[in-house]
Amino acid sequence: MISHTEGESNRSAARAEWAARHPDAATRNLLTRDAGAFLHQSLSSPCVSTIAKAEGIWIEDTAGRRYMDFHGNSVHHIGYGHPRLVAAIKAQLDDLSFSPRRFTNEVAVELAEKLTELAPGDLGKVLFTTGGSDANEVALRVARAATGRFKTVSFWDAFHG
């Protein structure tokens, strides 16, 4: 038997009963299709609901129910669809949608310079990564290179982010 201790997993009978009570067939159908199409993270919970749109702090599901989003990860902390962020993304997509790291560009350098201004002490360089997992992996490698040590202390059941 696989024992699971990861905090986000919930495969309890109460959760299954709640999921079975979804009031509309469209929600149940999309959740079933999701479970059949995606390889979910190791032992994590299946999706609990659907999302059709989101704005500010609100998520709206395919049945029109609105939820205040208390989810605490990813990049939506400033709110879904924030007008300034949407405008900045659209403008950047029009100018330069992607830049391999083997080439530099004005926007990347400006952001790196701003981050070094805001950083405390003598932190005068930045490294952009593709996400939180990569950032943590790079941080461990840099710490090992800087200290010459290789052991790492971590918390059991802790999320890397």
N, C-alpha and C. Protein backbone atom coordinates (compact mmCIF):
# COMPACT_ATOMS: atom_id res chain seq x y z
N MET A 1 0.84 -1.18 0.00
CA MET A 1 0.00 0.00 0.00
C MET A 1 0.88 1.25 0.00
N ILE A 2 0.50 2.22 -0.82
CA ILE A 2 1.26 3.46 -0.87
C ILE A 2 0.74 4.39 0.21
N SER A 3 1.64 4.85 1.04
CA SER A 3 1.27 5.82 2.06
C SER A 3 1.58 7.21 1.52
N HIS A 4 0.66 8.10 1.70
CA HIS A 4 0.85 9.44 1.16
C HIS A 4 0.74 10.46 2.27
N THR A 5 1.72 11.37 2.30
CA THR A 5 1.72 12.39 3.34
C THR A 5 1.70 13.79 2.78
N GLU A 6 1.70 13.94 1.48
CA GLU A 6 1.72 15.27 0.86
C GLU A 6 0.45 16.03 1.22
N GLY A 7 0.61 17.26 1.66
CA GLY A 7 -0.51 18.03 2.20
C GLY A 7 -1.64 18.31 1.24
N GLU A 8 -1.39 18.39 -0.07
CA GLU A 8 -2.45 18.77 -0.98
C GLU A 8 -3.34 17.61 -1.40
N SER A 9 -2.98 16.40 -1.04
CA SER A 9 -3.75 15.24 -1.48
C SER A 9 -4.96 15.02 -0.58
N ASN A 10 -6.09 14.78 -1.21
CA ASN A 10 -7.30 14.48 -0.45
C ASN A 10 -8.13 13.53 -1.30
N ARG A 11 -8.08 12.27 -0.96
CA ARG A 11 -8.85 11.25 -1.66
C ARG A 11 -9.84 10.60 -0.70
N SER A 12 -10.36 11.37 0.22
CA SER A 12 -11.24 10.84 1.25
C SER A 12 -12.63 10.54 0.69
N ALA A 13 -13.39 9.77 1.47
CA ALA A 13 -14.77 9.46 1.09
C ALA A 13 -15.60 10.75 1.05
N ALA A 14 -15.34 11.67 1.97
CA ALA A 14 -16.08 12.93 1.99
C ALA A 14 -15.83 13.73 0.72
N ARG A 15 -14.60 13.73 0.25
CA ARG A 15 -14.29 14.45 -0.99
C ARG A 15 -14.99 13.78 -2.18
N ALA A 16 -14.96 12.46 -2.24
CA ALA A 16 -15.61 11.74 -3.33
C ALA A 16 -17.12 12.01 -3.33
N GLU A 17 -17.70 12.05 -2.14
CA GLU A 17 -19.14 12.33 -2.03
C GLU A 17 -19.44 13.75 -2.51
N TRP A 18 -18.60 14.71 -2.11
CA TRP A 18 -18.78 16.10 -2.54
C TRP A 18 -18.68 16.20 -4.06
N ALA A 19 -17.67 15.55 -4.64
CA ALA A 19 -17.48 15.60 -6.09
C ALA A 19 -18.66 14.98 -6.83
N ALA A 20 -19.24 13.93 -6.26
CA ALA A 20 -20.37 13.26 -6.91
C ALA A 20 -21.64 14.11 -6.89
N ARG A 21 -21.71 15.09 -6.00
CA ARG A 21 -22.89 15.94 -5.89
C ARG A 21 -22.85 17.16 -6.79
N HIS A 22 -21.86 17.27 -7.67
CA HIS A 22 -21.84 18.44 -8.56
C HIS A 22 -23.20 18.53 -9.25
N PRO A 23 -23.82 19.69 -9.19
CA PRO A 23 -25.20 19.81 -9.65
C PRO A 23 -25.39 19.78 -11.16
N ASP A 24 -24.33 19.89 -11.91
CA ASP A 24 -24.56 19.94 -13.36
C ASP A 24 -23.68 18.92 -14.09
N ALA A 25 -24.24 18.39 -15.15
CA ALA A 25 -23.57 17.36 -15.94
C ALA A 25 -22.31 17.89 -16.62
N ALA A 26 -22.32 19.15 -17.04
CA ALA A 26 -21.15 19.72 -17.74
C ALA A 26 -19.92 19.71 -16.84
N THR A 27 -20.10 20.06 -15.56
CA THR A 27 -18.98 20.05 -14.62
C THR A 27 -18.48 18.64 -14.42
N ARG A 28 -19.39 17.71 -14.16
CA ARG A 28 -18.99 16.31 -13.95
C ARG A 28 -18.28 15.78 -15.19
N ASN A 29 -18.79 16.10 -16.38
CA ASN A 29 -18.19 15.62 -17.62
C ASN A 29 -16.77 16.15 -17.79
N LEU A 30 -16.57 17.45 -17.55
CA LEU A 30 -15.24 18.03 -17.72
C LEU A 30 -14.25 17.45 -16.72
N LEU A 31 -14.69 17.23 -15.48
CA LEU A 31 -13.82 16.62 -14.48
C LEU A 31 -13.44 15.19 -14.86
N THR A 32 -14.39 14.45 -15.40
CA THR A 32 -14.12 13.08 -15.85
C THR A 32 -13.14 13.08 -17.01
N ARG A 33 -13.34 13.99 -17.97
CA ARG A 33 -12.43 14.09 -19.11
C ARG A 33 -11.03 14.49 -18.65
N ASP A 34 -10.95 15.41 -17.69
CA ASP A 34 -9.66 15.83 -17.14
C ASP A 34 -8.93 14.64 -16.54
N ALA A 35 -9.63 13.87 -15.71
CA ALA A 35 -9.01 12.71 -15.06
C ALA A 35 -8.52 11.69 -16.07
N GLY A 36 -9.21 11.59 -17.21
CA GLY A 36 -8.80 10.65 -18.24
C GLY A 36 -7.68 11.14 -19.14
N ALA A 37 -7.53 12.45 -19.25
CA ALA A 37 -6.56 13.02 -20.20
C ALA A 37 -5.23 13.42 -19.58
N PHE A 38 -5.22 13.71 -18.29
CA PHE A 38 -4.00 14.23 -17.66
C PHE A 38 -3.35 13.19 -16.77
N LEU A 39 -2.03 13.20 -16.77
CA LEU A 39 -1.25 12.45 -15.81
C LEU A 39 -1.05 13.39 -14.63
N HIS A 40 -1.79 13.19 -13.57
CA HIS A 40 -1.74 14.10 -12.44
C HIS A 40 -0.46 13.89 -11.65
N GLN A 41 -0.07 14.91 -10.90
CA GLN A 41 1.13 14.85 -10.10
C GLN A 41 1.07 13.64 -9.18
N SER A 42 2.22 13.15 -8.83
CA SER A 42 2.32 11.96 -8.00
C SER A 42 1.43 12.04 -6.77
N LEU A 43 0.43 11.21 -6.75
CA LEU A 43 -0.46 11.04 -5.60
C LEU A 43 -1.25 12.29 -5.22
N SER A 44 -1.29 13.30 -6.07
CA SER A 44 -2.03 14.50 -5.69
C SER A 44 -3.52 14.32 -5.95
N SER A 45 -4.28 15.22 -5.38
CA SER A 45 -5.72 15.17 -5.52
C SER A 45 -6.14 15.46 -6.95
N PRO A 46 -7.20 14.83 -7.41
CA PRO A 46 -7.75 15.21 -8.71
C PRO A 46 -8.40 16.60 -8.61
N CYS A 47 -8.68 17.19 -9.75
CA CYS A 47 -9.31 18.52 -9.77
C CYS A 47 -10.64 18.49 -9.02
N VAL A 48 -10.94 19.58 -8.32
CA VAL A 48 -12.16 19.65 -7.52
C VAL A 48 -13.31 20.31 -8.25
N SER A 49 -12.99 21.16 -9.21
CA SER A 49 -14.04 21.86 -9.93
C SER A 49 -13.48 22.34 -11.26
N THR A 50 -14.23 23.17 -11.93
CA THR A 50 -13.82 23.71 -13.22
C THR A 50 -13.62 25.21 -13.09
N ILE A 51 -12.99 25.78 -14.09
CA ILE A 51 -12.84 27.23 -14.13
C ILE A 51 -13.13 27.66 -15.56
N ALA A 52 -14.05 28.59 -15.70
CA ALA A 52 -14.41 29.10 -17.02
C ALA A 52 -13.81 30.49 -17.24
N LYS A 53 -13.76 31.27 -16.15
CA LYS A 53 -13.13 32.59 -16.24
C LYS A 53 -12.75 33.03 -14.84
N ALA A 54 -11.91 34.05 -14.80
CA ALA A 54 -11.48 34.59 -13.52
C ALA A 54 -11.16 36.07 -13.68
N GLU A 55 -11.48 36.82 -12.64
CA GLU A 55 -11.20 38.25 -12.65
C GLU A 55 -10.97 38.71 -11.22
N GLY A 56 -9.88 39.44 -11.03
CA GLY A 56 -9.55 39.89 -9.68
C GLY A 56 -9.33 38.71 -8.77
N ILE A 57 -10.10 38.66 -7.67
CA ILE A 57 -9.97 37.55 -6.72
C ILE A 57 -10.99 36.45 -6.98
N TRP A 58 -11.80 36.59 -8.02
CA TRP A 58 -12.92 35.68 -8.24
C TRP A 58 -12.65 34.68 -9.36
N ILE A 59 -13.04 33.44 -9.10
CA ILE A 59 -13.04 32.37 -10.09
C ILE A 59 -14.51 32.05 -10.36
N GLU A 60 -14.84 31.83 -11.61
CA GLU A 60 -16.19 31.41 -11.96
C GLU A 60 -16.10 30.06 -12.65
N ASP A 61 -16.90 29.10 -12.19
CA ASP A 61 -16.86 27.78 -12.80
C ASP A 61 -17.80 27.70 -14.00
N THR A 62 -17.83 26.55 -14.65
CA THR A 62 -18.63 26.39 -15.87
C THR A 62 -20.13 26.44 -15.60
N ALA A 63 -20.53 26.30 -14.34
CA ALA A 63 -21.95 26.40 -13.98
C ALA A 63 -22.32 27.81 -13.53
N GLY A 64 -21.36 28.74 -13.58
CA GLY A 64 -21.64 30.11 -13.20
C GLY A 64 -21.47 30.42 -11.73
N ARG A 65 -21.02 29.46 -10.93
CA ARG A 65 -20.78 29.71 -9.51
C ARG A 65 -19.47 30.49 -9.35
N ARG A 66 -19.49 31.49 -8.46
CA ARG A 66 -18.30 32.30 -8.22
C ARG A 66 -17.68 31.92 -6.88
N TYR A 67 -16.35 31.84 -6.88
CA TYR A 67 -15.60 31.52 -5.68
C TYR A 67 -14.52 32.58 -5.47
N MET A 68 -14.30 32.96 -4.20
CA MET A 68 -13.17 33.79 -3.89
C MET A 68 -11.94 32.88 -3.85
N ASP A 69 -10.90 33.24 -4.57
CA ASP A 69 -9.73 32.38 -4.70
C ASP A 69 -8.78 32.57 -3.52
N PHE A 70 -8.66 31.54 -2.71
CA PHE A 70 -7.70 31.55 -1.60
C PHE A 70 -6.51 30.64 -1.91
N HIS A 71 -6.41 30.18 -3.13
CA HIS A 71 -5.32 29.29 -3.53
C HIS A 71 -4.01 30.05 -3.40
N GLY A 72 -3.00 29.44 -2.85
CA GLY A 72 -1.82 30.21 -2.51
C GLY A 72 -0.58 29.97 -3.34
N ASN A 73 -0.69 29.54 -4.57
CA ASN A 73 0.55 29.37 -5.33
C ASN A 73 0.39 29.90 -6.74
N SER A 74 1.41 29.73 -7.51
CA SER A 74 1.49 30.18 -8.89
C SER A 74 1.66 31.69 -8.96
N VAL A 75 1.07 32.32 -9.96
CA VAL A 75 1.39 33.73 -10.23
C VAL A 75 0.17 34.63 -10.21
N HIS A 76 -0.87 34.25 -9.55
CA HIS A 76 -2.10 35.04 -9.58
C HIS A 76 -2.33 35.90 -8.34
N HIS A 77 -1.29 36.19 -7.59
CA HIS A 77 -1.45 36.93 -6.34
C HIS A 77 -1.90 38.38 -6.54
N ILE A 78 -1.67 38.95 -7.71
CA ILE A 78 -2.13 40.32 -7.96
C ILE A 78 -3.55 40.33 -8.51
N GLY A 79 -4.12 39.17 -8.66
CA GLY A 79 -5.49 39.07 -9.17
C GLY A 79 -5.49 38.61 -10.61
N TYR A 80 -6.53 37.92 -10.96
CA TYR A 80 -6.68 37.43 -12.34
C TYR A 80 -7.01 38.60 -13.26
N GLY A 81 -6.36 38.63 -14.40
CA GLY A 81 -6.69 39.60 -15.43
C GLY A 81 -6.43 41.04 -15.03
N HIS A 82 -5.45 41.29 -14.16
CA HIS A 82 -5.15 42.66 -13.75
C HIS A 82 -4.87 43.50 -15.00
N PRO A 83 -5.58 44.61 -15.19
CA PRO A 83 -5.48 45.37 -16.45
C PRO A 83 -4.06 45.82 -16.80
N ARG A 84 -3.28 46.25 -15.82
CA ARG A 84 -1.91 46.68 -16.12
C ARG A 84 -1.05 45.50 -16.58
N LEU A 85 -1.24 44.35 -15.94
CA LEU A 85 -0.47 43.18 -16.33
C LEU A 85 -0.87 42.69 -17.72
N VAL A 86 -2.15 42.64 -17.99
CA VAL A 86 -2.64 42.23 -19.31
C VAL A 86 -2.09 43.16 -20.39
N ALA A 87 -2.14 44.47 -20.16
CA ALA A 87 -1.63 45.43 -21.14
C ALA A 87 -0.13 45.25 -21.36
N ALA A 88 0.62 45.04 -20.28
CA ALA A 88 2.07 44.86 -20.40
C ALA A 88 2.40 43.59 -21.17
N ILE A 89 1.67 42.51 -20.90
CA ILE A 89 1.91 41.25 -21.60
C ILE A 89 1.59 41.39 -23.08
N LYS A 90 0.47 42.02 -23.40
CA LYS A 90 0.10 42.21 -24.81
C LYS A 90 1.15 43.06 -25.53
N ALA A 91 1.60 44.13 -24.90
CA ALA A 91 2.61 44.98 -25.53
C ALA A 91 3.90 44.21 -25.75
N GLN A 92 4.31 43.42 -24.76
CA GLN A 92 5.56 42.65 -24.91
C GLN A 92 5.41 41.59 -26.00
N LEU A 93 4.26 40.95 -26.09
CA LEU A 93 4.04 39.96 -27.15
C LEU A 93 4.14 40.59 -28.54
N ASP A 94 3.69 41.83 -28.67
CA ASP A 94 3.80 42.53 -29.95
C ASP A 94 5.24 42.86 -30.29
N ASP A 95 6.05 43.18 -29.27
CA ASP A 95 7.44 43.59 -29.51
C ASP A 95 8.40 42.40 -29.62
N LEU A 96 8.38 41.54 -28.63
CA LEU A 96 9.31 40.41 -28.58
C LEU A 96 8.69 39.35 -27.68
N SER A 97 8.15 38.30 -28.28
CA SER A 97 7.40 37.31 -27.50
C SER A 97 8.30 36.36 -26.73
N PHE A 98 9.54 36.18 -27.16
CA PHE A 98 10.45 35.25 -26.49
C PHE A 98 11.87 35.63 -26.84
N SER A 99 12.77 35.41 -25.91
CA SER A 99 14.18 35.66 -26.16
C SER A 99 14.99 34.54 -25.52
N PRO A 100 15.68 33.73 -26.33
CA PRO A 100 16.54 32.71 -25.73
C PRO A 100 17.62 33.39 -24.89
N ARG A 101 18.08 32.74 -23.87
CA ARG A 101 19.04 33.36 -22.96
C ARG A 101 20.41 33.56 -23.63
N ARG A 102 20.64 32.98 -24.77
CA ARG A 102 21.91 33.21 -25.49
C ARG A 102 21.94 34.60 -26.13
N PHE A 103 20.79 35.28 -26.14
CA PHE A 103 20.69 36.64 -26.65
C PHE A 103 20.18 37.52 -25.51
N THR A 104 20.58 38.76 -25.49
CA THR A 104 20.05 39.67 -24.48
C THR A 104 19.04 40.61 -25.12
N ASN A 105 18.29 41.30 -24.29
CA ASN A 105 17.33 42.28 -24.79
C ASN A 105 17.11 43.34 -23.73
N GLU A 106 16.62 44.48 -24.16
CA GLU A 106 16.48 45.64 -23.29
C GLU A 106 15.58 45.37 -22.09
N VAL A 107 14.45 44.72 -22.30
CA VAL A 107 13.50 44.49 -21.21
C VAL A 107 14.11 43.60 -20.13
N ALA A 108 14.80 42.54 -20.53
CA ALA A 108 15.41 41.64 -19.56
C ALA A 108 16.48 42.35 -18.74
N VAL A 109 17.31 43.15 -19.41
CA VAL A 109 18.37 43.88 -18.70
C VAL A 109 17.76 44.92 -17.75
N GLU A 110 16.74 45.63 -18.20
CA GLU A 110 16.07 46.61 -17.32
C GLU A 110 15.51 45.95 -16.07
N LEU A 111 14.87 44.80 -16.24
CA LEU A 111 14.31 44.09 -15.09
C LEU A 111 15.43 43.62 -14.16
N ALA A 112 16.49 43.05 -14.70
CA ALA A 112 17.61 42.59 -13.88
C ALA A 112 18.22 43.75 -13.10
N GLU A 113 18.40 44.89 -13.76
CA GLU A 113 18.96 46.07 -13.08
C GLU A 113 18.04 46.54 -11.96
N LYS A 114 16.74 46.56 -12.21
CA LYS A 114 15.79 46.99 -11.18
C LYS A 114 15.81 46.03 -9.99
N LEU A 115 15.89 44.74 -10.25
CA LEU A 115 15.93 43.76 -9.16
C LEU A 115 17.20 43.92 -8.32
N THR A 116 18.33 44.20 -8.97
CA THR A 116 19.57 44.39 -8.20
C THR A 116 19.51 45.67 -7.36
N GLU A 117 18.79 46.68 -7.84
CA GLU A 117 18.59 47.91 -7.04
C GLU A 117 17.77 47.61 -5.79
N LEU A 118 16.78 46.75 -5.93
CA LEU A 118 15.88 46.44 -4.82
C LEU A 118 16.46 45.42 -3.84
N ALA A 119 17.40 44.62 -4.30
CA ALA A 119 17.95 43.54 -3.48
C ALA A 119 18.82 44.11 -2.36
N PRO A 120 18.82 43.45 -1.21
CA PRO A 120 19.65 43.94 -0.10
C PRO A 120 21.13 43.60 -0.29
N GLY A 121 21.97 44.31 0.41
CA GLY A 121 23.40 43.99 0.45
C GLY A 121 24.07 44.07 -0.90
N ASP A 122 24.96 43.13 -1.11
CA ASP A 122 25.76 43.14 -2.34
C ASP A 122 25.23 42.14 -3.38
N LEU A 123 23.95 41.90 -3.37
CA LEU A 123 23.35 41.00 -4.34
C LEU A 123 23.21 41.75 -5.66
N GLY A 124 24.23 41.68 -6.50
CA GLY A 124 24.28 42.50 -7.69
C GLY A 124 24.04 41.76 -8.99
N LYS A 125 23.62 40.51 -8.92
CA LYS A 125 23.34 39.73 -10.14
C LYS A 125 22.04 38.98 -9.95
N VAL A 126 21.36 38.68 -11.06
CA VAL A 126 20.14 37.89 -11.02
C VAL A 126 20.26 36.73 -12.00
N LEU A 127 19.43 35.74 -11.79
CA LEU A 127 19.32 34.61 -12.72
C LEU A 127 17.85 34.31 -12.87
N PHE A 128 17.32 34.45 -14.07
CA PHE A 128 15.93 34.14 -14.33
C PHE A 128 15.80 32.65 -14.62
N THR A 129 14.82 32.01 -14.00
CA THR A 129 14.54 30.60 -14.26
C THR A 129 13.11 30.47 -14.76
N THR A 130 12.76 29.27 -15.16
CA THR A 130 11.43 29.07 -15.74
C THR A 130 10.33 28.87 -14.70
N GLY A 131 10.69 28.66 -13.45
CA GLY A 131 9.67 28.46 -12.42
C GLY A 131 10.28 28.19 -11.06
N GLY A 132 9.41 27.95 -10.08
CA GLY A 132 9.84 27.76 -8.71
C GLY A 132 10.73 26.56 -8.49
N SER A 133 10.43 25.44 -9.13
CA SER A 133 11.25 24.25 -8.96
C SER A 133 12.66 24.49 -9.48
N ASP A 134 12.76 25.10 -10.65
CA ASP A 134 14.07 25.41 -11.21
C ASP A 134 14.81 26.41 -10.32
N ALA A 135 14.11 27.39 -9.81
CA ALA A 135 14.74 28.39 -8.94
C ALA A 135 15.32 27.74 -7.70
N ASN A 136 14.58 26.80 -7.11
CA ASN A 136 15.09 26.11 -5.93
C ASN A 136 16.28 25.22 -6.26
N GLU A 137 16.22 24.54 -7.40
CA GLU A 137 17.35 23.70 -7.81
C GLU A 137 18.60 24.54 -8.03
N VAL A 138 18.45 25.67 -8.71
CA VAL A 138 19.58 26.56 -8.95
C VAL A 138 20.11 27.11 -7.63
N ALA A 139 19.22 27.50 -6.72
CA ALA A 139 19.65 28.03 -5.43
C ALA A 139 20.48 27.00 -4.66
N LEU A 140 20.07 25.74 -4.69
CA LEU A 140 20.85 24.69 -4.03
C LEU A 140 22.22 24.53 -4.68
N ARG A 141 22.27 24.56 -5.99
CA ARG A 141 23.55 24.42 -6.70
C ARG A 141 24.48 25.60 -6.40
N VAL A 142 23.92 26.81 -6.39
CA VAL A 142 24.74 27.99 -6.08
C VAL A 142 25.25 27.91 -4.65
N ALA A 143 24.39 27.52 -3.71
CA ALA A 143 24.81 27.40 -2.31
C ALA A 143 25.90 26.36 -2.16
N ARG A 144 25.78 25.25 -2.85
CA ARG A 144 26.81 24.21 -2.78
C ARG A 144 28.12 24.69 -3.38
N ALA A 145 28.05 25.40 -4.49
CA ALA A 145 29.27 25.92 -5.12
C ALA A 145 29.92 26.98 -4.24
N ALA A 146 29.12 27.82 -3.61
CA ALA A 146 29.66 28.91 -2.80
C ALA A 146 30.26 28.42 -1.48
N THR A 147 29.67 27.38 -0.91
CA THR A 147 30.12 26.91 0.41
C THR A 147 31.02 25.69 0.34
N GLY A 148 30.98 24.96 -0.75
CA GLY A 148 31.72 23.71 -0.84
C GLY A 148 31.05 22.58 -0.08
N ARG A 149 29.90 22.83 0.47
CA ARG A 149 29.16 21.81 1.21
C ARG A 149 28.08 21.22 0.32
N PHE A 150 27.59 20.04 0.70
CA PHE A 150 26.59 19.39 -0.16
C PHE A 150 25.35 18.93 0.59
N LYS A 151 25.38 18.93 1.91
CA LYS A 151 24.21 18.48 2.66
C LYS A 151 23.17 19.58 2.73
N THR A 152 21.89 19.17 2.73
CA THR A 152 20.78 20.11 2.73
C THR A 152 19.80 19.73 3.82
N VAL A 153 19.34 20.70 4.57
CA VAL A 153 18.31 20.49 5.58
C VAL A 153 16.98 20.89 4.95
N SER A 154 15.98 20.04 5.09
CA SER A 154 14.66 20.37 4.56
C SER A 154 13.60 19.82 5.50
N PHE A 155 12.38 20.26 5.29
CA PHE A 155 11.25 19.78 6.08
C PHE A 155 10.55 18.65 5.35
N TRP A 156 10.16 17.63 6.08
CA TRP A 156 9.36 16.56 5.51
C TRP A 156 7.95 17.11 5.29
N ASP A 157 7.35 16.77 4.19
CA ASP A 157 6.01 17.23 3.82
C ASP A 157 5.96 18.71 3.42
N ALA A 158 7.11 19.33 3.24
CA ALA A 158 7.13 20.75 2.87
C ALA A 158 7.08 20.90 1.36
N PHE A 159 6.42 21.95 0.91
CA PHE A 159 6.37 22.27 -0.51
C PHE A 159 7.55 23.15 -0.85
N HIS A 160 8.15 22.94 -2.00
CA HIS A 160 9.37 23.66 -2.37
C HIS A 160 9.15 25.15 -2.58
N GLY A 161 7.94 25.57 -2.92
CA GLY A 161 7.71 26.94 -3.34
C GLY A 161 7.69 27.92 -2.22
